[in-house]
Amino acid sequence: MIDINFKNISIESIDLPVGGKRKLSVSVLRADLLHPIISGNKWFKLRFYIEQAKTFSAIATFGGAYSNHMVATAAACNMYGLKGICIVRGEEPSVYSPSLLQAKALGMQLIFVSRKDFEGKEVIKQAYRSKNWFWINEGGYGIEGANGASTLHDYINPHNTHIICATGTGTTFAGLIKKALPHQTVIGINVLKGNTSIINEINNLLTKEEQLKKYSMLHEYHFGGYAKHPKELIDFMNLFWKATSIPSDIVYTGKLFYAVNHLVAQDFFTEHSKLIVIHSGGLQGNYSLPNGILHF
């Protein structure tokens, strides 16, 4: 398998399909170029967990049938010679999703549990307590995940005034807050519908001092919920690709770039703001779409 190559990460200045009246700059941190599978924030959230797991017999984690985290964990385990296990939300389907097929092909053991049982993650861990498994929370959520994600900030220029990312569990968002400079505002685009309590989960990953930094979460760009992709979103993703040659996905980054474009068009940011948008990689969600829907 191709190794992690941090030299692949770059920063690209872009022109948005629809701009506002105010003068500002927009750049994209192409963390998606890090690795074909363990791309973007996925590796950064996993990196410190992987170090801790090397004395265990396996890494076990949680995820849904379309989880980017599941696939990234499977690839990381494959790369470092570790056994990977994923507790998958829902009964075993008759037809596997592309993400399940990819995780299985990478050697990951898949254990399916009902949606109800999936909510009792501590009970699940106890059921396998005799195993020498290192557990990673869904989406890499946890202090070590946030600390790993915070190292994404090493690629961000000090002159950037706003750091913008998509959020699921909020782990990457919390990591970016940890390293944000006093003049930088971190903005999260929540891809989950009705998940306004996510701020509490994020604050659990921050110290009291870090909670005083400048950050906000926007909840208006979920397009109906996790992985929902109405025509408006698909059309924008194609438009964004045509304007920038940057691919996006229906779960996270498509909604992220749509939000940034909309905010800029509405003159949300002050004059001469310097935005950097985190491309967190993970295009697996697009595999569920019919061929030809997306132009990339």
C-alpha atoms as a PDB file:
ATOM      1  CA  MET A   1       0.000   0.000   0.000  1.00  0.00           C
ATOM      2  CA  ILE A   2       1.138   3.565  -0.718  1.00  0.00           C
ATOM      3  CA  ASP A   3       2.708   5.179   2.331  1.00  0.00           C
ATOM      4  CA  ILE A   4       1.602   8.448   3.917  1.00  0.00           C
ATOM      5  CA  ASN A   5       3.338  11.354   2.166  1.00  0.00           C
ATOM      6  CA  PHE A   6       2.940  14.689   3.923  1.00  0.00           C
ATOM      7  CA  LYS A   7       4.666  16.440   0.993  1.00  0.00           C
ATOM      8  CA  ASN A   8       1.498  15.819  -1.026  1.00  0.00           C
ATOM      9  CA  ILE A   9      -0.433  18.334   1.093  1.00  0.00           C
ATOM     10  CA  SER A  10      -0.715  21.710  -0.585  1.00  0.00           C
ATOM     11  CA  ILE A  11      -2.571  24.999  -0.371  1.00  0.00           C
ATOM     12  CA  GLU A  12      -4.466  26.207  -3.439  1.00  0.00           C
ATOM     13  CA  SER A  13      -5.915  29.673  -3.927  1.00  0.00           C
ATOM     14  CA  ILE A  14      -9.307  29.479  -5.616  1.00  0.00           C
ATOM     15  CA  ASP A  15     -11.944  31.664  -7.185  1.00  0.00           C
ATOM     16  CA  LEU A  16     -15.390  30.670  -5.975  1.00  0.00           C
ATOM     17  CA  PRO A  17     -18.165  30.159  -8.546  1.00  0.00           C
ATOM     18  CA  VAL A  18     -20.127  33.038  -6.979  1.00  0.00           C
ATOM     19  CA  GLY A  19     -18.261  35.797  -5.163  1.00  0.00           C
ATOM     20  CA  GLY A  20     -19.412  38.637  -2.943  1.00  0.00           C
ATOM     21  CA  LYS A  21     -18.723  42.341  -3.201  1.00  0.00           C
ATOM     22  CA  ARG A  22     -16.035  42.415  -0.545  1.00  0.00           C
ATOM     23  CA  LYS A  23     -12.368  41.857  -1.301  1.00  0.00           C
ATOM     24  CA  LEU A  24     -11.092  38.713   0.352  1.00  0.00           C
ATOM     25  CA  SER A  25      -9.049  35.612  -0.464  1.00  0.00           C
ATOM     26  CA  VAL A  26     -10.054  31.952  -0.322  1.00  0.00           C
ATOM     27  CA  SER A  27      -7.622  29.043  -0.188  1.00  0.00           C
ATOM     28  CA  VAL A  28      -8.106  25.304   0.203  1.00  0.00           C
ATOM     29  CA  LEU A  29      -5.848  23.111   2.330  1.00  0.00           C
ATOM     30  CA  ARG A  30      -5.625  20.018   0.117  1.00  0.00           C
ATOM     31  CA  ALA A  31      -5.243  17.497   2.915  1.00  0.00           C
ATOM     32  CA  ASP A  32      -7.192  15.133   0.639  1.00  0.00           C
ATOM     33  CA  LEU A  33      -3.996  14.637  -1.389  1.00  0.00           C
ATOM     34  CA  LEU A  34      -2.210  13.024   1.571  1.00  0.00           C
ATOM     35  CA  HIS A  35      -3.175   9.457   0.646  1.00  0.00           C
ATOM     36  CA  PRO A  36      -5.665   7.775  -1.726  1.00  0.00           C
ATOM     37  CA  ILE A  37      -7.624   6.179   1.151  1.00  0.00           C
ATOM     38  CA  ILE A  38      -6.403   7.560   4.504  1.00  0.00           C
ATOM     39  CA  SER A  39      -6.892  11.071   3.225  1.00  0.00           C
ATOM     40  CA  GLY A  40      -7.366  14.432   4.851  1.00  0.00           C
ATOM     41  CA  ASN A  41      -8.381  14.641   8.470  1.00  0.00           C
ATOM     42  CA  LYS A  42      -8.841  10.864   8.728  1.00  0.00           C
ATOM     43  CA  TRP A  43      -5.106  10.214   9.087  1.00  0.00           C
ATOM     44  CA  PHE A  44      -4.584  13.179  11.389  1.00  0.00           C
ATOM     45  CA  LYS A  45      -7.307  11.959  13.743  1.00  0.00           C
ATOM     46  CA  LEU A  46      -5.864   8.421  13.696  1.00  0.00           C
ATOM     47  CA  ARG A  47      -2.154   9.164  13.965  1.00  0.00           C
ATOM     48  CA  PHE A  48      -1.795   9.223  17.775  1.00  0.00           C
ATOM     49  CA  TYR A  49      -4.221   6.327  18.255  1.00  0.00           C
ATOM     50  CA  ILE A  50      -2.113   4.202  15.902  1.00  0.00           C
ATOM     51  CA  GLU A  51       0.978   4.836  18.023  1.00  0.00           C
ATOM     52  CA  GLN A  52      -0.846   3.749  21.185  1.00  0.00           C
ATOM     53  CA  ALA A  53      -2.345   0.645  19.537  1.00  0.00           C
ATOM     54  CA  LYS A  54       0.886  -1.057  18.519  1.00  0.00           C
ATOM     55  CA  THR A  55       1.067  -3.131  21.715  1.00  0.00           C
ATOM     56  CA  PHE A  56      -2.506  -4.424  21.262  1.00  0.00           C
ATOM     57  CA  SER A  57      -3.683  -7.371  19.171  1.00  0.00           C
ATOM     58  CA  ALA A  58      -6.139  -5.299  17.146  1.00  0.00           C
ATOM     59  CA  ILE A  59      -7.806  -1.929  16.663  1.00  0.00           C
ATOM     60  CA  ALA A  60     -11.583  -1.904  17.050  1.00  0.00           C
ATOM     61  CA  THR A  61     -13.788   1.017  16.123  1.00  0.00           C
ATOM     62  CA  PHE A  62     -17.372   1.970  15.253  1.00  0.00           C
ATOM     63  CA  GLY A  63     -19.028   3.257  12.104  1.00  0.00           C
ATOM     64  CA  GLY A  64     -21.953   3.214   9.730  1.00  0.00           C
ATOM     65  CA  ALA A  65     -22.123   1.433   6.391  1.00  0.00           C
ATOM     66  CA  TYR A  66     -20.746   4.510   4.590  1.00  0.00           C
ATOM     67  CA  SER A  67     -18.185   5.558   7.185  1.00  0.00           C
ATOM     68  CA  ASN A  68     -15.016   7.215   5.877  1.00  0.00           C
ATOM     69  CA  HIS A  69     -13.473   6.613   9.301  1.00  0.00           C
ATOM     70  CA  MET A  70     -14.104   2.868   9.002  1.00  0.00           C
ATOM     71  CA  VAL A  71     -12.341   2.664   5.639  1.00  0.00           C
ATOM     72  CA  ALA A  72      -9.450   4.870   6.781  1.00  0.00           C
ATOM     73  CA  THR A  73      -8.973   2.740   9.905  1.00  0.00           C
ATOM     74  CA  ALA A  74      -9.019  -0.429   7.802  1.00  0.00           C
ATOM     75  CA  ALA A  75      -6.363   1.026   5.508  1.00  0.00           C
ATOM     76  CA  ALA A  76      -4.202   2.179   8.439  1.00  0.00           C
ATOM     77  CA  CYS A  77      -4.389  -1.254  10.051  1.00  0.00           C
ATOM     78  CA  ASN A  78      -3.478  -2.878   6.749  1.00  0.00           C
ATOM     79  CA  MET A  79      -0.544  -0.506   6.347  1.00  0.00           C
ATOM     80  CA  TYR A  80       0.877  -1.114   9.828  1.00  0.00           C
ATOM     81  CA  GLY A  81       0.179  -4.826  10.069  1.00  0.00           C
ATOM     82  CA  LEU A  82      -2.579  -4.510  12.664  1.00  0.00           C
ATOM     83  CA  LYS A  83      -5.848  -6.418  12.742  1.00  0.00           C
ATOM     84  CA  GLY A  84      -8.823  -4.122  12.230  1.00  0.00           C
ATOM     85  CA  ILE A  85     -12.355  -4.611  13.501  1.00  0.00           C
ATOM     86  CA  CYS A  86     -15.387  -2.379  13.005  1.00  0.00           C
ATOM     87  CA  ILE A  87     -18.673  -2.573  14.875  1.00  0.00           C
ATOM     88  CA  VAL A  88     -21.107  -1.552  12.140  1.00  0.00           C
ATOM     89  CA  ARG A  89     -24.408   0.213  12.808  1.00  0.00           C
ATOM     90  CA  GLY A  90     -27.369  -1.860  11.587  1.00  0.00           C
ATOM     91  CA  GLU A  91     -28.076  -5.428  10.557  1.00  0.00           C
ATOM     92  CA  GLU A  92     -25.837  -7.004   7.942  1.00  0.00           C
ATOM     93  CA  PRO A  93     -27.165  -5.941   4.518  1.00  0.00           C
ATOM     94  CA  SER A  94     -27.731  -8.360   1.664  1.00  0.00           C
ATOM     95  CA  VAL A  95     -25.747  -5.987  -0.549  1.00  0.00           C
ATOM     96  CA  TYR A  96     -22.675  -4.317   0.947  1.00  0.00           C
ATOM     97  CA  SER A  97     -22.075  -0.600   0.462  1.00  0.00           C
ATOM     98  CA  PRO A  98     -18.891   0.420  -1.405  1.00  0.00           C
ATOM     99  CA  SER A  99     -17.370   1.454   1.936  1.00  0.00           C
ATOM    100  CA  LEU A 100     -18.107  -1.933   3.543  1.00  0.00           C
ATOM    101  CA  LEU A 101     -16.653  -3.723   0.513  1.00  0.00           C
ATOM    102  CA  GLN A 102     -13.502  -1.607   0.642  1.00  0.00           C
ATOM    103  CA  ALA A 103     -13.022  -2.088   4.389  1.00  0.00           C
ATOM    104  CA  LYS A 104     -13.478  -5.848   4.023  1.00  0.00           C
ATOM    105  CA  ALA A 105     -11.046  -5.965   1.100  1.00  0.00           C
ATOM    106  CA  LEU A 106      -8.477  -4.227   3.296  1.00  0.00           C
ATOM    107  CA  GLY A 107      -8.787  -7.068   5.808  1.00  0.00           C
ATOM    108  CA  MET A 108     -11.150  -5.495   8.327  1.00  0.00           C
ATOM    109  CA  GLN A 109     -13.488  -7.760  10.283  1.00  0.00           C
ATOM    110  CA  LEU A 110     -17.026  -6.376  10.240  1.00  0.00           C
ATOM    111  CA  ILE A 111     -19.378  -7.048  13.155  1.00  0.00           C
ATOM    112  CA  PHE A 112     -22.943  -5.885  12.541  1.00  0.00           C
ATOM    113  CA  VAL A 113     -25.190  -4.879  15.441  1.00  0.00           C
ATOM    114  CA  SER A 114     -28.700  -3.439  15.556  1.00  0.00           C
ATOM    115  CA  ARG A 115     -29.079   0.328  15.621  1.00  0.00           C
ATOM    116  CA  LYS A 116     -30.381   0.079  19.176  1.00  0.00           C
ATOM    117  CA  ASP A 117     -27.431  -1.988  20.392  1.00  0.00           C
ATOM    118  CA  PHE A 118     -25.017   0.298  18.518  1.00  0.00           C
ATOM    119  CA  GLU A 119     -25.995   3.148  20.849  1.00  0.00           C
ATOM    120  CA  GLY A 120     -24.653   1.169  23.809  1.00  0.00           C
ATOM    121  CA  LYS A 121     -21.006   1.384  22.841  1.00  0.00           C
ATOM    122  CA  GLU A 122     -19.710   0.818  26.377  1.00  0.00           C
ATOM    123  CA  VAL A 123     -21.793  -2.362  26.600  1.00  0.00           C
ATOM    124  CA  ILE A 124     -20.268  -3.527  23.317  1.00  0.00           C
ATOM    125  CA  LYS A 125     -16.759  -2.841  24.611  1.00  0.00           C
ATOM    126  CA  GLN A 126     -17.507  -4.834  27.758  1.00  0.00           C
ATOM    127  CA  ALA A 127     -18.740  -7.769  25.666  1.00  0.00           C
ATOM    128  CA  TYR A 128     -15.277  -7.979  24.067  1.00  0.00           C
ATOM    129  CA  ARG A 129     -13.266  -7.077  27.167  1.00  0.00           C
ATOM    130  CA  SER A 130     -11.395 -10.388  27.095  1.00  0.00           C
ATOM    131  CA  LYS A 131      -9.906  -9.372  23.763  1.00  0.00           C
ATOM    132  CA  ASN A 132      -6.737  -7.326  23.681  1.00  0.00           C
ATOM    133  CA  TRP A 133      -8.348  -4.693  21.460  1.00  0.00           C
ATOM    134  CA  PHE A 134      -7.519  -1.004  21.313  1.00  0.00           C
ATOM    135  CA  TRP A 135     -10.771   0.917  20.947  1.00  0.00           C
ATOM    136  CA  ILE A 136     -11.218   4.068  18.869  1.00  0.00           C
ATOM    137  CA  ASN A 137     -14.490   5.947  19.089  1.00  0.00           C
ATOM    138  CA  GLU A 138     -16.707   6.589  16.078  1.00  0.00           C
ATOM    139  CA  GLY A 139     -15.121   9.184  13.801  1.00  0.00           C
ATOM    140  CA  GLY A 140     -11.959   9.153  15.908  1.00  0.00           C
ATOM    141  CA  TYR A 141     -13.699  11.238  18.579  1.00  0.00           C
ATOM    142  CA  GLY A 142     -11.573  11.796  21.675  1.00  0.00           C
ATOM    143  CA  ILE A 143      -8.706  13.836  23.046  1.00  0.00           C
ATOM    144  CA  GLU A 144      -6.082  11.952  21.048  1.00  0.00           C
ATOM    145  CA  GLY A 145      -8.158  12.352  17.896  1.00  0.00           C
ATOM    146  CA  ALA A 146      -8.472  16.099  18.479  1.00  0.00           C
ATOM    147  CA  ASN A 147      -4.766  16.398  19.278  1.00  0.00           C
ATOM    148  CA  GLY A 148      -3.955  14.601  16.043  1.00  0.00           C
ATOM    149  CA  ALA A 149      -6.342  16.821  14.090  1.00  0.00           C
ATOM    150  CA  SER A 150      -4.730  19.877  15.670  1.00  0.00           C
ATOM    151  CA  THR A 151      -1.545  19.132  13.703  1.00  0.00           C
ATOM    152  CA  LEU A 152      -3.451  20.096  10.541  1.00  0.00           C
ATOM    153  CA  HIS A 153      -2.911  23.644  11.753  1.00  0.00           C
ATOM    154  CA  ASP A 154       0.811  23.223  11.063  1.00  0.00           C
ATOM    155  CA  TYR A 155      -0.036  23.657   7.362  1.00  0.00           C
ATOM    156  CA  ILE A 156      -2.078  26.820   7.851  1.00  0.00           C
ATOM    157  CA  ASN A 157      -0.482  30.206   7.296  1.00  0.00           C
ATOM    158  CA  PRO A 158      -0.536  32.610  10.262  1.00  0.00           C
ATOM    159  CA  HIS A 159      -2.051  35.311   8.058  1.00  0.00           C
ATOM    160  CA  ASN A 160      -5.289  33.332   7.609  1.00  0.00           C
ATOM    161  CA  THR A 161      -8.142  34.963   9.518  1.00  0.00           C
ATOM    162  CA  HIS A 162     -10.757  32.213   9.185  1.00  0.00           C
ATOM    163  CA  ILE A 163     -10.368  28.418   9.234  1.00  0.00           C
ATOM    164  CA  ILE A 164     -13.418  26.549   7.941  1.00  0.00           C
ATOM    165  CA  CYS A 165     -14.117  22.814   8.058  1.00  0.00           C
ATOM    166  CA  ALA A 166     -16.987  20.336   7.789  1.00  0.00           C
ATOM    167  CA  THR A 167     -17.983  18.669  11.053  1.00  0.00           C
ATOM    168  CA  GLY A 168     -19.424  15.262  11.928  1.00  0.00           C
ATOM    169  CA  THR A 169     -18.259  14.304  15.415  1.00  0.00           C
ATOM    170  CA  GLY A 170     -16.532  17.684  15.807  1.00  0.00           C
ATOM    171  CA  THR A 171     -13.129  16.129  16.467  1.00  0.00           C
ATOM    172  CA  THR A 172     -11.318  17.958  13.660  1.00  0.00           C
ATOM    173  CA  PHE A 173     -13.105  21.188  14.540  1.00  0.00           C
ATOM    174  CA  ALA A 174     -11.924  20.895  18.150  1.00  0.00           C
ATOM    175  CA  GLY A 175      -8.378  20.145  17.015  1.00  0.00           C
ATOM    176  CA  LEU A 176      -8.264  23.255  14.848  1.00  0.00           C
ATOM    177  CA  ILE A 177      -9.558  25.372  17.734  1.00  0.00           C
ATOM    178  CA  LYS A 178      -6.758  24.040  19.926  1.00  0.00           C
ATOM    179  CA  LYS A 179      -4.067  25.447  17.627  1.00  0.00           C
ATOM    180  CA  ALA A 180      -5.903  28.527  16.324  1.00  0.00           C
ATOM    181  CA  LEU A 181      -4.053  31.804  16.810  1.00  0.00           C
ATOM    182  CA  PRO A 182      -5.717  34.675  18.715  1.00  0.00           C
ATOM    183  CA  HIS A 183      -6.743  36.484  15.516  1.00  0.00           C
ATOM    184  CA  GLN A 184      -8.157  33.368  13.825  1.00  0.00           C
ATOM    185  CA  THR A 185     -11.809  32.319  13.882  1.00  0.00           C
ATOM    186  CA  VAL A 186     -12.648  28.633  13.347  1.00  0.00           C
ATOM    187  CA  ILE A 187     -15.989  27.942  11.655  1.00  0.00           C
ATOM    188  CA  GLY A 188     -17.586  24.501  11.520  1.00  0.00           C
ATOM    189  CA  ILE A 189     -20.182  23.476   8.932  1.00  0.00           C
ATOM    190  CA  ASN A 190     -22.393  20.882  10.616  1.00  0.00           C
ATOM    191  CA  VAL A 191     -23.434  18.153   8.149  1.00  0.00           C
ATOM    192  CA  LEU A 192     -25.825  16.530  10.631  1.00  0.00           C
ATOM    193  CA  LYS A 193     -29.426  17.687  10.911  1.00  0.00           C
ATOM    194  CA  GLY A 194     -30.608  18.732  14.371  1.00  0.00           C
ATOM    195  CA  ASN A 195     -27.274  17.984  15.997  1.00  0.00           C
ATOM    196  CA  THR A 196     -27.054  21.304  17.839  1.00  0.00           C
ATOM    197  CA  SER A 197     -25.706  19.607  20.968  1.00  0.00           C
ATOM    198  CA  ILE A 198     -22.445  18.967  19.116  1.00  0.00           C
ATOM    199  CA  ILE A 199     -20.958  22.060  20.784  1.00  0.00           C
ATOM    200  CA  ASN A 200     -21.091  20.194  24.099  1.00  0.00           C
ATOM    201  CA  GLU A 201     -19.155  17.303  22.569  1.00  0.00           C
ATOM    202  CA  ILE A 202     -16.602  19.737  21.185  1.00  0.00           C
ATOM    203  CA  ASN A 203     -16.178  21.560  24.479  1.00  0.00           C
ATOM    204  CA  ASN A 204     -15.435  18.215  26.136  1.00  0.00           C
ATOM    205  CA  LEU A 205     -12.302  18.068  23.962  1.00  0.00           C
ATOM    206  CA  LEU A 206     -11.177  21.606  24.836  1.00  0.00           C
ATOM    207  CA  THR A 207      -9.592  23.097  27.933  1.00  0.00           C
ATOM    208  CA  LYS A 208     -11.279  26.058  29.622  1.00  0.00           C
ATOM    209  CA  GLU A 209      -8.753  28.367  27.968  1.00  0.00           C
ATOM    210  CA  GLU A 210      -9.339  26.844  24.521  1.00  0.00           C
ATOM    211  CA  GLN A 211     -13.086  27.304  24.916  1.00  0.00           C
ATOM    212  CA  LEU A 212     -12.480  31.052  25.051  1.00  0.00           C
ATOM    213  CA  LYS A 213     -11.059  31.125  21.528  1.00  0.00           C
ATOM    214  CA  LYS A 214     -13.056  32.453  18.567  1.00  0.00           C
ATOM    215  CA  TYR A 215     -15.168  29.745  16.959  1.00  0.00           C
ATOM    216  CA  SER A 216     -18.703  29.116  15.760  1.00  0.00           C
ATOM    217  CA  MET A 217     -20.779  26.293  14.336  1.00  0.00           C
ATOM    218  CA  LEU A 218     -23.223  26.803  11.464  1.00  0.00           C
ATOM    219  CA  HIS A 219     -26.184  24.420  11.245  1.00  0.00           C
ATOM    220  CA  GLU A 220     -27.927  25.592   8.063  1.00  0.00           C
ATOM    221  CA  TYR A 221     -26.039  23.584   5.432  1.00  0.00           C
ATOM    222  CA  HIS A 222     -26.920  19.941   6.132  1.00  0.00           C
ATOM    223  CA  PHE A 223     -29.228  19.664   3.061  1.00  0.00           C
ATOM    224  CA  GLY A 224     -31.671  17.489   4.960  1.00  0.00           C
ATOM    225  CA  GLY A 225     -29.257  15.380   6.968  1.00  0.00           C
ATOM    226  CA  TYR A 226     -26.188  13.165   6.833  1.00  0.00           C
ATOM    227  CA  ALA A 227     -25.334  12.182   3.235  1.00  0.00           C
ATOM    228  CA  LYS A 228     -28.537  13.763   1.900  1.00  0.00           C
ATOM    229  CA  HIS A 229     -27.791  15.182  -1.539  1.00  0.00           C
ATOM    230  CA  PRO A 230     -30.578  17.062  -3.309  1.00  0.00           C
ATOM    231  CA  LYS A 231     -30.082  18.308  -6.844  1.00  0.00           C
ATOM    232  CA  GLU A 232     -29.013  21.749  -5.595  1.00  0.00           C
ATOM    233  CA  LEU A 233     -25.996  20.236  -3.867  1.00  0.00           C
ATOM    234  CA  ILE A 234     -25.061  17.994  -6.809  1.00  0.00           C
ATOM    235  CA  ASP A 235     -25.312  20.930  -9.207  1.00  0.00           C
ATOM    236  CA  PHE A 236     -23.069  23.023  -6.980  1.00  0.00           C
ATOM    237  CA  MET A 237     -20.472  20.243  -6.648  1.00  0.00           C
ATOM    238  CA  ASN A 238     -20.258  20.056 -10.437  1.00  0.00           C
ATOM    239  CA  LEU A 239     -20.060  23.844 -10.685  1.00  0.00           C
ATOM    240  CA  PHE A 240     -17.334  23.937  -8.035  1.00  0.00           C
ATOM    241  CA  TRP A 241     -15.374  21.258  -9.895  1.00  0.00           C
ATOM    242  CA  LYS A 242     -15.627  23.213 -13.139  1.00  0.00           C
ATOM    243  CA  ALA A 243     -14.396  26.391 -11.413  1.00  0.00           C
ATOM    244  CA  THR A 244     -11.594  24.875  -9.310  1.00  0.00           C
ATOM    245  CA  SER A 245     -10.838  21.288 -10.478  1.00  0.00           C
ATOM    246  CA  ILE A 246     -11.265  20.239  -6.829  1.00  0.00           C
ATOM    247  CA  PRO A 247     -13.476  17.178  -6.183  1.00  0.00           C
ATOM    248  CA  SER A 248     -15.877  17.102  -3.252  1.00  0.00           C
ATOM    249  CA  ASP A 249     -18.243  14.564  -1.706  1.00  0.00           C
ATOM    250  CA  ILE A 250     -21.940  14.475  -0.864  1.00  0.00           C
ATOM    251  CA  VAL A 251     -21.391  13.848   2.855  1.00  0.00           C
ATOM    252  CA  TYR A 252     -18.902  16.495   3.978  1.00  0.00           C
ATOM    253  CA  THR A 253     -16.911  18.636   1.587  1.00  0.00           C
ATOM    254  CA  GLY A 254     -19.659  19.322  -0.950  1.00  0.00           C
ATOM    255  CA  LYS A 255     -21.693  20.921   1.825  1.00  0.00           C
ATOM    256  CA  LEU A 256     -18.597  22.670   3.146  1.00  0.00           C
ATOM    257  CA  PHE A 257     -17.728  24.347  -0.155  1.00  0.00           C
ATOM    258  CA  TYR A 258     -21.383  25.202  -0.783  1.00  0.00           C
ATOM    259  CA  ALA A 259     -21.522  26.909   2.615  1.00  0.00           C
ATOM    260  CA  VAL A 260     -18.330  28.874   1.997  1.00  0.00           C
ATOM    261  CA  ASN A 261     -19.551  29.984  -1.420  1.00  0.00           C
ATOM    262  CA  HIS A 262     -22.921  31.055   0.028  1.00  0.00           C
ATOM    263  CA  LEU A 263     -21.361  32.912   2.962  1.00  0.00           C
ATOM    264  CA  VAL A 264     -18.982  34.785   0.680  1.00  0.00           C
ATOM    265  CA  ALA A 265     -21.825  35.654  -1.711  1.00  0.00           C
ATOM    266  CA  GLN A 266     -23.792  37.034   1.269  1.00  0.00           C
ATOM    267  CA  ASP A 267     -20.785  39.140   2.364  1.00  0.00           C
ATOM    268  CA  PHE A 268     -20.655  37.257   5.658  1.00  0.00           C
ATOM    269  CA  PHE A 269     -16.941  37.970   6.080  1.00  0.00           C
ATOM    270  CA  THR A 270     -15.320  41.344   6.645  1.00  0.00           C
ATOM    271  CA  GLU A 271     -13.264  43.089   3.981  1.00  0.00           C
ATOM    272  CA  HIS A 272      -9.812  41.579   3.327  1.00  0.00           C
ATOM    273  CA  SER A 273     -10.535  38.369   5.260  1.00  0.00           C
ATOM    274  CA  LYS A 274      -8.245  35.482   4.355  1.00  0.00           C
ATOM    275  CA  LEU A 275     -10.146  32.201   4.425  1.00  0.00           C
ATOM    276  CA  ILE A 276      -8.641  28.735   4.414  1.00  0.00           C
ATOM    277  CA  VAL A 277     -11.001  25.819   3.867  1.00  0.00           C
ATOM    278  CA  ILE A 278      -9.966  22.329   5.019  1.00  0.00           C
ATOM    279  CA  HIS A 279     -10.491  19.666   2.364  1.00  0.00           C
ATOM    280  CA  SER A 280     -10.852  16.632   4.598  1.00  0.00           C
ATOM    281  CA  GLY A 281     -10.821  14.075   1.773  1.00  0.00           C
ATOM    282  CA  GLY A 282     -12.918  10.930   1.794  1.00  0.00           C
ATOM    283  CA  LEU A 283     -14.904  10.695  -1.442  1.00  0.00           C
ATOM    284  CA  GLN A 284     -16.373   7.244  -0.691  1.00  0.00           C
ATOM    285  CA  GLY A 285     -19.858   8.661  -0.236  1.00  0.00           C
ATOM    286  CA  ASN A 286     -19.951   9.493  -3.934  1.00  0.00           C
ATOM    287  CA  TYR A 287     -19.684   5.816  -4.863  1.00  0.00           C
ATOM    288  CA  SER A 288     -23.368   5.390  -3.984  1.00  0.00           C
ATOM    289  CA  LEU A 289     -24.370   7.755  -6.820  1.00  0.00           C
ATOM    290  CA  PRO A 290     -25.255   6.565 -10.332  1.00  0.00           C
ATOM    291  CA  ASN A 291     -22.512   6.981 -12.924  1.00  0.00           C
ATOM    292  CA  GLY A 292     -22.515  10.350 -14.634  1.00  0.00           C
ATOM    293  CA  ILE A 293     -24.238  12.321 -11.871  1.00  0.00           C
ATOM    294  CA  LEU A 294     -20.955  13.954 -10.918  1.00  0.00           C
ATOM    295  CA  HIS A 295     -18.613  15.286 -13.572  1.00  0.00           C
ATOM    296  CA  PHE A 296     -15.410  14.150 -11.849  1.00  0.00           C
END
